[in-house]
Amino acid sequence: MIGFLRGNLVQKTPPQLVLDVNGVGYEVEAPMTTFYDLPVLGEPVKLFTHLVVREDAHILFGFATETERLLFRALIKVNGIGPKLALTILSGQSVADFYRCVEDNDVRGLVRLPGVGQKTAERLIIEMRGRLPAIDQFEITNNQILSISTPPSSNTVKQEAVSALCALGYKPQDASKMVQAIKEELDSCEAVIRAALRGVIK
């Protein structure tokens, strides 16, 4: 129904963002892999979208690349994988890392993601093998984190990161531990979340 949105980024609070498209504000939920590539507020951005219609809400999901959207659509076709868990999987791993887990039967790599237990990981590997959408190698790049010129305080950034991790499915105490384990000083919420997720995957 809505293939993509192109407009100015006016708000980003992982995993949600707001895009101003000709005066209409679209609320979009996006994986962290998309957030890493977002420009600063006020700048234009294009997102590929997928609309999920429920009885109580219409939820728009946005992705930086067509490959991410294709994988999201493939994931929600797997029994027991809803849009929220699919978003969490895409937030915790790059498309290339997920493909590697499926191809290498790496159950442990998937179980590290919140909401993915042993049985779910095994089902993902079985059902996704042979059904993975083709990867566009030009889309898989090293994500660059764009920082805002006047970064918020460290405590504020960490609090926002903890809240975002909770929204992605992590328990509050686990999210807090993940953020506190980061030793380096980072000046954006996206950078903190990325470092926290890297720590879990190691």
N, C-alpha and C. Protein backbone atom coordinates (compact mmCIF):
# COMPACT_ATOMS: atom_id res chain seq x y z
N MET A 1 0.82 -1.21 0.00
CA MET A 1 0.00 0.00 0.00
C MET A 1 0.86 1.26 0.00
N ILE A 2 1.86 1.32 0.92
CA ILE A 2 2.81 2.43 0.94
C ILE A 2 4.19 1.83 0.71
N GLY A 3 4.74 2.05 -0.47
CA GLY A 3 6.01 1.43 -0.83
C GLY A 3 7.21 2.07 -0.18
N PHE A 4 7.20 3.41 -0.10
CA PHE A 4 8.31 4.11 0.55
C PHE A 4 7.84 5.50 0.95
N LEU A 5 8.60 6.12 1.83
CA LEU A 5 8.36 7.50 2.25
C LEU A 5 9.63 8.30 2.04
N ARG A 6 9.48 9.52 1.54
CA ARG A 6 10.62 10.42 1.41
C ARG A 6 10.23 11.75 2.04
N GLY A 7 10.96 12.17 3.05
CA GLY A 7 10.64 13.43 3.72
C GLY A 7 11.74 13.82 4.68
N ASN A 8 11.46 14.79 5.53
CA ASN A 8 12.45 15.26 6.49
C ASN A 8 12.29 14.56 7.83
N LEU A 9 13.40 14.18 8.40
CA LEU A 9 13.40 13.51 9.70
C LEU A 9 13.17 14.56 10.79
N VAL A 10 12.08 14.44 11.54
CA VAL A 10 11.77 15.44 12.57
C VAL A 10 11.87 14.88 13.99
N GLN A 11 11.91 13.58 14.13
CA GLN A 11 12.03 12.99 15.47
C GLN A 11 12.57 11.58 15.36
N LYS A 12 13.46 11.23 16.29
CA LYS A 12 13.94 9.85 16.32
C LYS A 12 14.18 9.43 17.77
N THR A 13 13.36 8.49 18.20
CA THR A 13 13.45 7.91 19.53
C THR A 13 13.38 6.40 19.35
N PRO A 14 14.55 5.75 19.18
CA PRO A 14 14.57 4.32 18.86
C PRO A 14 13.61 3.51 19.73
N PRO A 15 12.81 2.62 19.12
CA PRO A 15 12.83 2.24 17.69
C PRO A 15 11.83 3.03 16.84
N GLN A 16 11.38 4.20 17.29
CA GLN A 16 10.40 4.98 16.54
C GLN A 16 11.01 6.27 15.99
N LEU A 17 10.47 6.70 14.85
CA LEU A 17 10.88 7.97 14.27
C LEU A 17 9.67 8.61 13.61
N VAL A 18 9.77 9.89 13.34
CA VAL A 18 8.69 10.62 12.67
C VAL A 18 9.27 11.29 11.43
N LEU A 19 8.59 11.09 10.32
CA LEU A 19 9.02 11.65 9.04
C LEU A 19 7.97 12.65 8.56
N ASP A 20 8.40 13.87 8.25
CA ASP A 20 7.50 14.90 7.73
C ASP A 20 7.49 14.80 6.20
N VAL A 21 6.38 14.32 5.67
CA VAL A 21 6.23 14.18 4.22
C VAL A 21 5.18 15.18 3.75
N ASN A 22 5.65 16.29 3.20
CA ASN A 22 4.75 17.35 2.71
C ASN A 22 3.74 17.79 3.76
N GLY A 23 4.23 17.98 4.99
CA GLY A 23 3.37 18.48 6.05
C GLY A 23 2.62 17.43 6.83
N VAL A 24 2.76 16.16 6.46
CA VAL A 24 2.11 15.06 7.18
C VAL A 24 3.18 14.28 7.94
N GLY A 25 2.99 14.12 9.25
CA GLY A 25 3.96 13.41 10.06
C GLY A 25 3.66 11.93 10.14
N TYR A 26 4.52 11.11 9.59
CA TYR A 26 4.34 9.65 9.61
C TYR A 26 5.16 9.06 10.75
N GLU A 27 4.48 8.34 11.66
CA GLU A 27 5.17 7.62 12.73
C GLU A 27 5.61 6.27 12.17
N VAL A 28 6.89 5.98 12.30
CA VAL A 28 7.45 4.76 11.71
C VAL A 28 8.30 4.04 12.75
N GLU A 29 8.19 2.73 12.78
CA GLU A 29 9.06 1.91 13.62
C GLU A 29 10.14 1.32 12.73
N ALA A 30 11.37 1.38 13.21
CA ALA A 30 12.49 0.93 12.38
C ALA A 30 13.50 0.16 13.21
N PRO A 31 14.21 -0.79 12.59
CA PRO A 31 15.27 -1.52 13.31
C PRO A 31 16.47 -0.61 13.54
N MET A 32 17.32 -1.00 14.48
CA MET A 32 18.49 -0.18 14.78
C MET A 32 19.44 -0.09 13.60
N THR A 33 19.47 -1.11 12.75
CA THR A 33 20.34 -1.04 11.58
C THR A 33 19.95 0.13 10.69
N THR A 34 18.67 0.49 10.68
CA THR A 34 18.21 1.66 9.92
C THR A 34 18.57 2.94 10.67
N PHE A 35 18.41 2.93 11.99
CA PHE A 35 18.73 4.12 12.78
C PHE A 35 20.19 4.52 12.64
N TYR A 36 21.09 3.54 12.49
CA TYR A 36 22.51 3.86 12.36
C TYR A 36 22.78 4.72 11.13
N ASP A 37 21.93 4.60 10.11
CA ASP A 37 22.14 5.31 8.85
C ASP A 37 21.33 6.60 8.73
N LEU A 38 20.55 6.94 9.76
CA LEU A 38 19.71 8.14 9.67
C LEU A 38 20.55 9.40 9.70
N PRO A 39 20.11 10.44 8.97
CA PRO A 39 20.81 11.73 9.03
C PRO A 39 20.42 12.48 10.30
N VAL A 40 20.95 13.67 10.48
CA VAL A 40 20.58 14.49 11.62
C VAL A 40 19.15 15.00 11.42
N LEU A 41 18.53 15.44 12.50
CA LEU A 41 17.16 15.94 12.42
C LEU A 41 17.05 17.10 11.44
N GLY A 42 15.96 17.11 10.68
CA GLY A 42 15.73 18.17 9.69
C GLY A 42 16.21 17.83 8.30
N GLU A 43 17.02 16.77 8.19
CA GLU A 43 17.55 16.38 6.89
C GLU A 43 16.60 15.40 6.18
N PRO A 44 16.63 15.36 4.85
CA PRO A 44 15.75 14.44 4.10
C PRO A 44 16.22 13.00 4.21
N VAL A 45 15.26 12.08 4.14
CA VAL A 45 15.59 10.66 4.19
C VAL A 45 14.51 9.88 3.44
N LYS A 46 14.92 8.76 2.87
CA LYS A 46 13.97 7.87 2.19
C LYS A 46 13.97 6.53 2.91
N LEU A 47 12.78 6.02 3.22
CA LEU A 47 12.64 4.73 3.88
C LEU A 47 11.71 3.83 3.09
N PHE A 48 12.10 2.58 2.91
CA PHE A 48 11.22 1.58 2.33
C PHE A 48 10.29 1.13 3.46
N THR A 49 9.01 0.96 3.17
CA THR A 49 8.05 0.73 4.25
C THR A 49 7.24 -0.55 4.07
N HIS A 50 6.72 -1.01 5.21
CA HIS A 50 5.80 -2.14 5.23
C HIS A 50 4.71 -1.81 6.23
N LEU A 51 3.46 -1.91 5.82
CA LEU A 51 2.33 -1.57 6.68
C LEU A 51 1.72 -2.84 7.26
N VAL A 52 1.63 -2.88 8.60
CA VAL A 52 0.99 -4.00 9.29
C VAL A 52 -0.35 -3.51 9.82
N VAL A 53 -1.42 -4.18 9.42
CA VAL A 53 -2.77 -3.79 9.83
C VAL A 53 -3.27 -4.76 10.90
N ARG A 54 -3.60 -4.19 12.08
CA ARG A 54 -4.19 -4.98 13.16
C ARG A 54 -5.56 -4.42 13.49
N GLU A 55 -6.29 -5.14 14.30
CA GLU A 55 -7.62 -4.66 14.68
C GLU A 55 -7.56 -3.34 15.42
N ASP A 56 -6.52 -3.17 16.23
CA ASP A 56 -6.43 -1.98 17.07
C ASP A 56 -5.45 -0.92 16.57
N ALA A 57 -4.74 -1.20 15.48
CA ALA A 57 -3.75 -0.22 15.01
C ALA A 57 -3.24 -0.56 13.62
N HIS A 58 -2.79 0.49 12.92
CA HIS A 58 -2.05 0.34 11.67
C HIS A 58 -0.62 0.79 11.98
N ILE A 59 0.34 -0.11 11.83
CA ILE A 59 1.72 0.21 12.19
C ILE A 59 2.59 0.20 10.94
N LEU A 60 3.33 1.29 10.75
CA LEU A 60 4.20 1.42 9.59
C LEU A 60 5.64 1.14 10.01
N PHE A 61 6.29 0.21 9.32
CA PHE A 61 7.68 -0.12 9.59
C PHE A 61 8.55 0.43 8.46
N GLY A 62 9.70 0.98 8.81
CA GLY A 62 10.57 1.59 7.81
C GLY A 62 11.96 0.98 7.82
N PHE A 63 12.57 0.93 6.63
CA PHE A 63 13.88 0.29 6.48
C PHE A 63 14.76 1.12 5.55
N ALA A 64 16.05 1.15 5.87
CA ALA A 64 16.99 1.93 5.06
C ALA A 64 17.21 1.33 3.69
N THR A 65 17.08 0.00 3.60
CA THR A 65 17.33 -0.67 2.32
C THR A 65 16.20 -1.62 1.96
N GLU A 66 16.08 -1.91 0.70
CA GLU A 66 15.09 -2.88 0.23
C GLU A 66 15.40 -4.27 0.77
N THR A 67 16.69 -4.58 0.93
CA THR A 67 17.09 -5.89 1.45
C THR A 67 16.57 -6.10 2.86
N GLU A 68 16.67 -5.08 3.71
CA GLU A 68 16.15 -5.18 5.07
C GLU A 68 14.64 -5.44 5.06
N ARG A 69 13.93 -4.73 4.19
CA ARG A 69 12.49 -4.92 4.13
C ARG A 69 12.13 -6.32 3.65
N LEU A 70 12.86 -6.83 2.66
CA LEU A 70 12.62 -8.17 2.16
C LEU A 70 12.82 -9.21 3.26
N LEU A 71 13.88 -9.04 4.05
CA LEU A 71 14.13 -9.98 5.13
C LEU A 71 13.04 -9.87 6.20
N PHE A 72 12.61 -8.65 6.52
CA PHE A 72 11.52 -8.45 7.48
C PHE A 72 10.26 -9.19 7.02
N ARG A 73 9.94 -9.05 5.75
CA ARG A 73 8.74 -9.71 5.21
C ARG A 73 8.88 -11.23 5.22
N ALA A 74 10.09 -11.72 5.01
CA ALA A 74 10.32 -13.17 5.06
C ALA A 74 10.21 -13.67 6.50
N LEU A 75 10.70 -12.88 7.45
CA LEU A 75 10.67 -13.29 8.85
C LEU A 75 9.24 -13.40 9.39
N ILE A 76 8.39 -12.43 9.05
CA ILE A 76 7.04 -12.45 9.62
C ILE A 76 6.17 -13.55 9.02
N LYS A 77 6.68 -14.23 8.01
CA LYS A 77 5.96 -15.39 7.46
C LYS A 77 6.28 -16.67 8.22
N VAL A 78 7.32 -16.60 9.05
CA VAL A 78 7.71 -17.77 9.84
C VAL A 78 6.75 -17.90 11.02
N ASN A 79 6.28 -19.10 11.27
CA ASN A 79 5.35 -19.36 12.36
C ASN A 79 5.93 -18.91 13.70
N GLY A 80 5.18 -18.06 14.41
CA GLY A 80 5.62 -17.59 15.73
C GLY A 80 6.47 -16.33 15.70
N ILE A 81 6.77 -15.81 14.52
CA ILE A 81 7.57 -14.58 14.41
C ILE A 81 6.65 -13.43 13.98
N GLY A 82 6.37 -12.54 14.91
CA GLY A 82 5.55 -11.38 14.59
C GLY A 82 6.42 -10.19 14.19
N PRO A 83 5.80 -9.08 13.82
CA PRO A 83 6.56 -7.90 13.41
C PRO A 83 7.53 -7.38 14.47
N LYS A 84 7.10 -7.41 15.76
CA LYS A 84 7.97 -6.89 16.82
C LYS A 84 9.23 -7.73 16.95
N LEU A 85 9.09 -9.06 16.94
CA LEU A 85 10.26 -9.92 17.05
C LEU A 85 11.13 -9.81 15.80
N ALA A 86 10.51 -9.67 14.63
CA ALA A 86 11.28 -9.50 13.40
C ALA A 86 12.12 -8.22 13.47
N LEU A 87 11.52 -7.16 14.04
CA LEU A 87 12.24 -5.89 14.20
C LEU A 87 13.42 -6.06 15.16
N THR A 88 13.20 -6.83 16.23
CA THR A 88 14.26 -7.08 17.20
C THR A 88 15.41 -7.86 16.56
N ILE A 89 15.08 -8.85 15.73
CA ILE A 89 16.11 -9.63 15.05
C ILE A 89 16.93 -8.74 14.13
N LEU A 90 16.26 -7.88 13.38
CA LEU A 90 16.98 -6.97 12.47
C LEU A 90 17.79 -5.93 13.24
N SER A 91 17.36 -5.60 14.45
CA SER A 91 18.10 -4.63 15.26
C SER A 91 19.35 -5.24 15.86
N GLY A 92 19.27 -6.55 16.19
CA GLY A 92 20.39 -7.21 16.85
C GLY A 92 21.45 -7.74 15.92
N GLN A 93 21.11 -7.90 14.65
CA GLN A 93 22.05 -8.44 13.68
C GLN A 93 21.90 -7.75 12.34
N SER A 94 23.00 -7.65 11.62
CA SER A 94 22.90 -7.15 10.25
C SER A 94 22.30 -8.25 9.39
N VAL A 95 21.85 -7.88 8.21
CA VAL A 95 21.30 -8.88 7.28
C VAL A 95 22.34 -9.96 7.00
N ALA A 96 23.58 -9.55 6.78
CA ALA A 96 24.64 -10.52 6.46
C ALA A 96 24.87 -11.47 7.63
N ASP A 97 24.84 -10.96 8.87
CA ASP A 97 25.06 -11.83 10.04
C ASP A 97 23.91 -12.83 10.19
N PHE A 98 22.67 -12.39 9.93
CA PHE A 98 21.53 -13.30 10.03
C PHE A 98 21.66 -14.41 8.99
N TYR A 99 22.04 -14.03 7.77
CA TYR A 99 22.20 -15.03 6.71
C TYR A 99 23.27 -16.04 7.11
N ARG A 100 24.35 -15.55 7.71
CA ARG A 100 25.43 -16.46 8.12
C ARG A 100 24.92 -17.46 9.16
N CYS A 101 24.11 -16.96 10.13
CA CYS A 101 23.56 -17.86 11.16
C CYS A 101 22.71 -18.96 10.53
N VAL A 102 21.91 -18.59 9.56
CA VAL A 102 21.04 -19.57 8.90
C VAL A 102 21.87 -20.58 8.10
N GLU A 103 22.82 -20.07 7.34
CA GLU A 103 23.62 -20.95 6.48
C GLU A 103 24.55 -21.86 7.28
N ASP A 104 25.02 -21.37 8.46
CA ASP A 104 25.96 -22.15 9.28
C ASP A 104 25.28 -22.92 10.41
N ASN A 105 23.92 -22.91 10.41
CA ASN A 105 23.18 -23.57 11.50
C ASN A 105 23.62 -23.04 12.87
N ASP A 106 23.87 -21.76 12.95
CA ASP A 106 24.36 -21.14 14.19
C ASP A 106 23.19 -20.79 15.11
N VAL A 107 22.71 -21.78 15.84
CA VAL A 107 21.59 -21.56 16.77
C VAL A 107 21.99 -20.60 17.89
N ARG A 108 23.21 -20.75 18.38
CA ARG A 108 23.67 -19.89 19.49
C ARG A 108 23.66 -18.42 19.10
N GLY A 109 24.02 -18.13 17.85
CA GLY A 109 24.05 -16.75 17.40
C GLY A 109 22.67 -16.11 17.41
N LEU A 110 21.64 -16.91 17.18
CA LEU A 110 20.26 -16.40 17.17
C LEU A 110 19.68 -16.34 18.58
N VAL A 111 20.06 -17.29 19.42
CA VAL A 111 19.51 -17.34 20.79
C VAL A 111 19.96 -16.12 21.60
N ARG A 112 21.05 -15.49 21.21
CA ARG A 112 21.52 -14.30 21.93
C ARG A 112 20.55 -13.13 21.80
N LEU A 113 19.68 -13.17 20.79
CA LEU A 113 18.72 -12.10 20.57
C LEU A 113 17.55 -12.24 21.54
N PRO A 114 17.03 -11.11 22.09
CA PRO A 114 15.90 -11.20 23.03
C PRO A 114 14.65 -11.75 22.35
N GLY A 115 13.98 -12.67 23.04
CA GLY A 115 12.75 -13.24 22.49
C GLY A 115 12.98 -14.44 21.60
N VAL A 116 14.24 -14.77 21.33
CA VAL A 116 14.55 -15.92 20.48
C VAL A 116 15.12 -17.03 21.35
N GLY A 117 14.31 -18.05 21.60
CA GLY A 117 14.76 -19.20 22.36
C GLY A 117 15.31 -20.28 21.45
N GLN A 118 15.69 -21.40 22.05
CA GLN A 118 16.28 -22.50 21.29
C GLN A 118 15.35 -22.99 20.18
N LYS A 119 14.08 -23.23 20.51
CA LYS A 119 13.15 -23.75 19.52
C LYS A 119 12.87 -22.75 18.41
N THR A 120 12.74 -21.47 18.79
CA THR A 120 12.50 -20.43 17.79
C THR A 120 13.69 -20.31 16.84
N ALA A 121 14.90 -20.37 17.40
CA ALA A 121 16.10 -20.28 16.57
C ALA A 121 16.18 -21.45 15.59
N GLU A 122 15.88 -22.65 16.08
CA GLU A 122 15.91 -23.83 15.21
C GLU A 122 14.86 -23.72 14.11
N ARG A 123 13.68 -23.21 14.47
CA ARG A 123 12.61 -23.06 13.47
C ARG A 123 13.00 -22.01 12.43
N LEU A 124 13.63 -20.94 12.87
CA LEU A 124 14.09 -19.90 11.94
C LEU A 124 15.05 -20.49 10.92
N ILE A 125 16.01 -21.25 11.40
CA ILE A 125 17.02 -21.82 10.51
C ILE A 125 16.38 -22.78 9.50
N ILE A 126 15.48 -23.62 9.99
CA ILE A 126 14.83 -24.60 9.10
C ILE A 126 13.95 -23.92 8.06
N GLU A 127 13.11 -22.97 8.52
CA GLU A 127 12.14 -22.35 7.61
C GLU A 127 12.76 -21.31 6.69
N MET A 128 13.83 -20.66 7.15
CA MET A 128 14.43 -19.60 6.34
C MET A 128 15.43 -20.13 5.31
N ARG A 129 15.97 -21.31 5.57
CA ARG A 129 16.93 -21.85 4.61
C ARG A 129 16.25 -22.11 3.27
N GLY A 130 16.80 -21.57 2.24
CA GLY A 130 16.24 -21.73 0.91
C GLY A 130 15.19 -20.68 0.57
N ARG A 131 14.77 -19.89 1.59
CA ARG A 131 13.75 -18.86 1.35
C ARG A 131 14.31 -17.46 1.57
N LEU A 132 15.60 -17.36 1.86
CA LEU A 132 16.19 -16.05 2.12
C LEU A 132 16.19 -15.22 0.85
N PRO A 133 15.73 -13.96 0.94
CA PRO A 133 15.78 -13.09 -0.25
C PRO A 133 17.21 -12.80 -0.65
N ALA A 134 17.41 -12.54 -1.91
CA ALA A 134 18.76 -12.27 -2.41
C ALA A 134 19.32 -11.01 -1.78
N ILE A 135 20.60 -11.05 -1.40
CA ILE A 135 21.26 -9.90 -0.79
C ILE A 135 21.82 -9.00 -1.89
N ASP A 136 21.55 -7.71 -1.74
CA ASP A 136 22.18 -6.73 -2.61
C ASP A 136 23.47 -6.29 -1.93
N GLN A 137 24.61 -6.76 -2.46
CA GLN A 137 25.89 -6.48 -1.80
C GLN A 137 26.20 -4.99 -1.73
N PHE A 138 25.64 -4.22 -2.63
CA PHE A 138 25.89 -2.78 -2.61
C PHE A 138 25.20 -2.11 -1.43
N GLU A 139 24.17 -2.77 -0.89
CA GLU A 139 23.44 -2.19 0.22
C GLU A 139 24.10 -2.50 1.55
N ILE A 140 24.91 -3.56 1.60
CA ILE A 140 25.52 -3.98 2.86
C ILE A 140 26.86 -3.28 3.00
N THR A 141 26.88 -2.22 3.76
CA THR A 141 28.08 -1.43 3.97
C THR A 141 28.32 -1.28 5.45
N ASN A 142 29.47 -0.74 5.80
CA ASN A 142 29.73 -0.43 7.20
C ASN A 142 28.91 0.79 7.57
N ASN A 143 27.97 0.63 8.47
CA ASN A 143 27.09 1.73 8.85
C ASN A 143 27.87 2.82 9.56
N GLN A 144 27.65 4.04 9.12
CA GLN A 144 28.30 5.19 9.75
C GLN A 144 27.30 5.87 10.68
N ILE A 145 27.71 6.09 11.90
CA ILE A 145 26.85 6.75 12.88
C ILE A 145 27.01 8.26 12.74
N LEU A 146 25.89 8.94 12.47
CA LEU A 146 25.92 10.38 12.31
C LEU A 146 25.58 11.05 13.63
N SER A 147 26.50 11.82 14.16
CA SER A 147 26.26 12.46 15.45
C SER A 147 25.72 13.86 15.27
N ILE A 148 24.95 14.31 16.24
CA ILE A 148 24.39 15.66 16.23
C ILE A 148 25.45 16.62 16.73
N SER A 149 25.47 17.83 16.19
CA SER A 149 26.53 18.79 16.51
C SER A 149 26.58 19.15 17.99
N THR A 150 25.42 19.14 18.67
CA THR A 150 25.40 19.44 20.10
C THR A 150 24.86 18.22 20.83
N PRO A 151 25.74 17.28 21.14
CA PRO A 151 25.29 16.03 21.74
C PRO A 151 24.73 16.22 23.13
N PRO A 152 23.72 15.41 23.50
CA PRO A 152 23.16 15.50 24.83
C PRO A 152 24.14 14.94 25.86
N SER A 153 23.84 15.07 27.13
CA SER A 153 24.72 14.58 28.18
C SER A 153 24.81 13.08 28.14
N SER A 154 25.90 12.54 28.71
CA SER A 154 26.14 11.10 28.69
C SER A 154 25.02 10.34 29.41
N ASN A 155 24.58 10.87 30.55
CA ASN A 155 23.52 10.19 31.30
C ASN A 155 22.22 10.12 30.50
N THR A 156 21.87 11.23 29.84
CA THR A 156 20.65 11.28 29.04
C THR A 156 20.72 10.27 27.89
N VAL A 157 21.86 10.22 27.23
CA VAL A 157 22.06 9.29 26.12
C VAL A 157 21.90 7.85 26.60
N LYS A 158 22.48 7.53 27.75
CA LYS A 158 22.41 6.16 28.27
C LYS A 158 20.99 5.80 28.68
N GLN A 159 20.28 6.76 29.27
CA GLN A 159 18.89 6.51 29.66
C GLN A 159 18.03 6.23 28.43
N GLU A 160 18.23 7.03 27.36
CA GLU A 160 17.48 6.82 26.13
C GLU A 160 17.81 5.45 25.53
N ALA A 161 19.09 5.06 25.61
CA ALA A 161 19.51 3.77 25.06
C ALA A 161 18.86 2.62 25.82
N VAL A 162 18.80 2.73 27.16
CA VAL A 162 18.16 1.69 27.97
C VAL A 162 16.69 1.57 27.59
N SER A 163 16.01 2.70 27.45
CA SER A 163 14.59 2.69 27.08
C SER A 163 14.39 2.04 25.71
N ALA A 164 15.28 2.36 24.76
CA ALA A 164 15.17 1.80 23.41
C ALA A 164 15.39 0.29 23.43
N LEU A 165 16.36 -0.19 24.22
CA LEU A 165 16.62 -1.62 24.31
C LEU A 165 15.43 -2.35 24.93
N CYS A 166 14.79 -1.71 25.90
CA CYS A 166 13.59 -2.30 26.50
C CYS A 166 12.48 -2.40 25.45
N ALA A 167 12.36 -1.38 24.60
CA ALA A 167 11.34 -1.39 23.55
C ALA A 167 11.63 -2.48 22.53
N LEU A 168 12.89 -2.86 22.42
CA LEU A 168 13.27 -3.92 21.48
C LEU A 168 13.11 -5.32 22.07
N GLY A 169 12.73 -5.39 23.35
CA GLY A 169 12.46 -6.69 23.94
C GLY A 169 13.37 -7.12 25.08
N TYR A 170 14.39 -6.32 25.39
CA TYR A 170 15.27 -6.68 26.50
C TYR A 170 14.63 -6.32 27.84
N LYS A 171 14.91 -7.10 28.88
CA LYS A 171 14.42 -6.79 30.21
C LYS A 171 15.16 -5.56 30.74
N PRO A 172 14.49 -4.70 31.53
CA PRO A 172 15.11 -3.47 32.03
C PRO A 172 16.47 -3.69 32.69
N GLN A 173 16.57 -4.72 33.54
CA GLN A 173 17.84 -4.96 34.23
C GLN A 173 18.93 -5.39 33.27
N ASP A 174 18.55 -6.18 32.23
CA ASP A 174 19.53 -6.61 31.24
C ASP A 174 19.97 -5.43 30.36
N ALA A 175 19.01 -4.59 29.98
CA ALA A 175 19.33 -3.42 29.16
C ALA A 175 20.27 -2.49 29.91
N SER A 176 20.01 -2.29 31.19
CA SER A 176 20.87 -1.42 32.01
C SER A 176 22.29 -1.97 32.10
N LYS A 177 22.41 -3.30 32.30
CA LYS A 177 23.73 -3.92 32.39
C LYS A 177 24.48 -3.79 31.07
N MET A 178 23.76 -3.97 29.96
CA MET A 178 24.39 -3.87 28.64
C MET A 178 24.98 -2.48 28.41
N VAL A 179 24.22 -1.46 28.81
CA VAL A 179 24.67 -0.08 28.61
C VAL A 179 25.82 0.26 29.57
N GLN A 180 25.71 -0.17 30.83
CA GLN A 180 26.75 0.13 31.81
C GLN A 180 28.07 -0.56 31.48
N ALA A 181 28.00 -1.66 30.72
CA ALA A 181 29.22 -2.40 30.37
C ALA A 181 30.05 -1.68 29.31
N ILE A 182 29.48 -0.66 28.69
CA ILE A 182 30.21 0.08 27.64
C ILE A 182 31.21 1.02 28.30
N LYS A 183 32.45 0.87 27.96
CA LYS A 183 33.52 1.66 28.60
C LYS A 183 33.77 3.00 27.91
N GLU A 184 33.66 3.02 26.58
CA GLU A 184 33.98 4.25 25.86
C GLU A 184 32.86 5.29 25.99
N GLU A 185 33.22 6.55 25.82
CA GLU A 185 32.26 7.65 25.87
C GLU A 185 31.65 7.83 24.49
N LEU A 186 30.35 7.69 24.39
CA LEU A 186 29.65 7.82 23.11
C LEU A 186 28.64 8.95 23.22
N ASP A 187 28.46 9.71 22.12
CA ASP A 187 27.66 10.93 22.20
C ASP A 187 26.30 10.84 21.53
N SER A 188 25.86 9.63 21.15
CA SER A 188 24.52 9.51 20.59
C SER A 188 23.87 8.22 21.07
N CYS A 189 22.55 8.26 21.16
CA CYS A 189 21.80 7.09 21.60
C CYS A 189 22.05 5.91 20.68
N GLU A 190 22.08 6.17 19.37
CA GLU A 190 22.28 5.11 18.39
C GLU A 190 23.63 4.43 18.59
N ALA A 191 24.67 5.23 18.90
CA ALA A 191 26.01 4.67 19.09
C ALA A 191 26.05 3.79 20.33
N VAL A 192 25.37 4.21 21.40
CA VAL A 192 25.34 3.41 22.64
C VAL A 192 24.62 2.09 22.40
N ILE A 193 23.48 2.14 21.70
CA ILE A 193 22.72 0.92 21.42
C ILE A 193 23.55 -0.03 20.56
N ARG A 194 24.22 0.53 19.59
CA ARG A 194 25.03 -0.31 18.70
C ARG A 194 26.14 -1.02 19.48
N ALA A 195 26.80 -0.27 20.38
CA ALA A 195 27.86 -0.86 21.20
C ALA A 195 27.29 -1.91 22.15
N ALA A 196 26.10 -1.65 22.71
CA ALA A 196 25.47 -2.60 23.63
C ALA A 196 25.12 -3.89 22.91
N LEU A 197 24.57 -3.79 21.72
CA LEU A 197 24.19 -4.98 20.95
C LEU A 197 25.43 -5.75 20.51
N ARG A 198 26.49 -5.04 20.20
CA ARG A 198 27.75 -5.71 19.83
C ARG A 198 28.26 -6.54 21.01
N GLY A 199 28.12 -5.98 22.23
CA GLY A 199 28.58 -6.68 23.42
C GLY A 199 27.84 -7.98 23.65
N VAL A 200 26.56 -8.00 23.30
CA VAL A 200 25.75 -9.21 23.48
C VAL A 200 26.16 -10.28 22.48
N ILE A 201 26.45 -9.85 21.25
CA ILE A 201 26.75 -10.79 20.17
C ILE A 201 28.12 -11.44 20.35
N LYS A 202 29.04 -10.74 21.04
CA LYS A 202 30.41 -11.28 21.20
C LYS A 202 30.39 -12.59 21.96
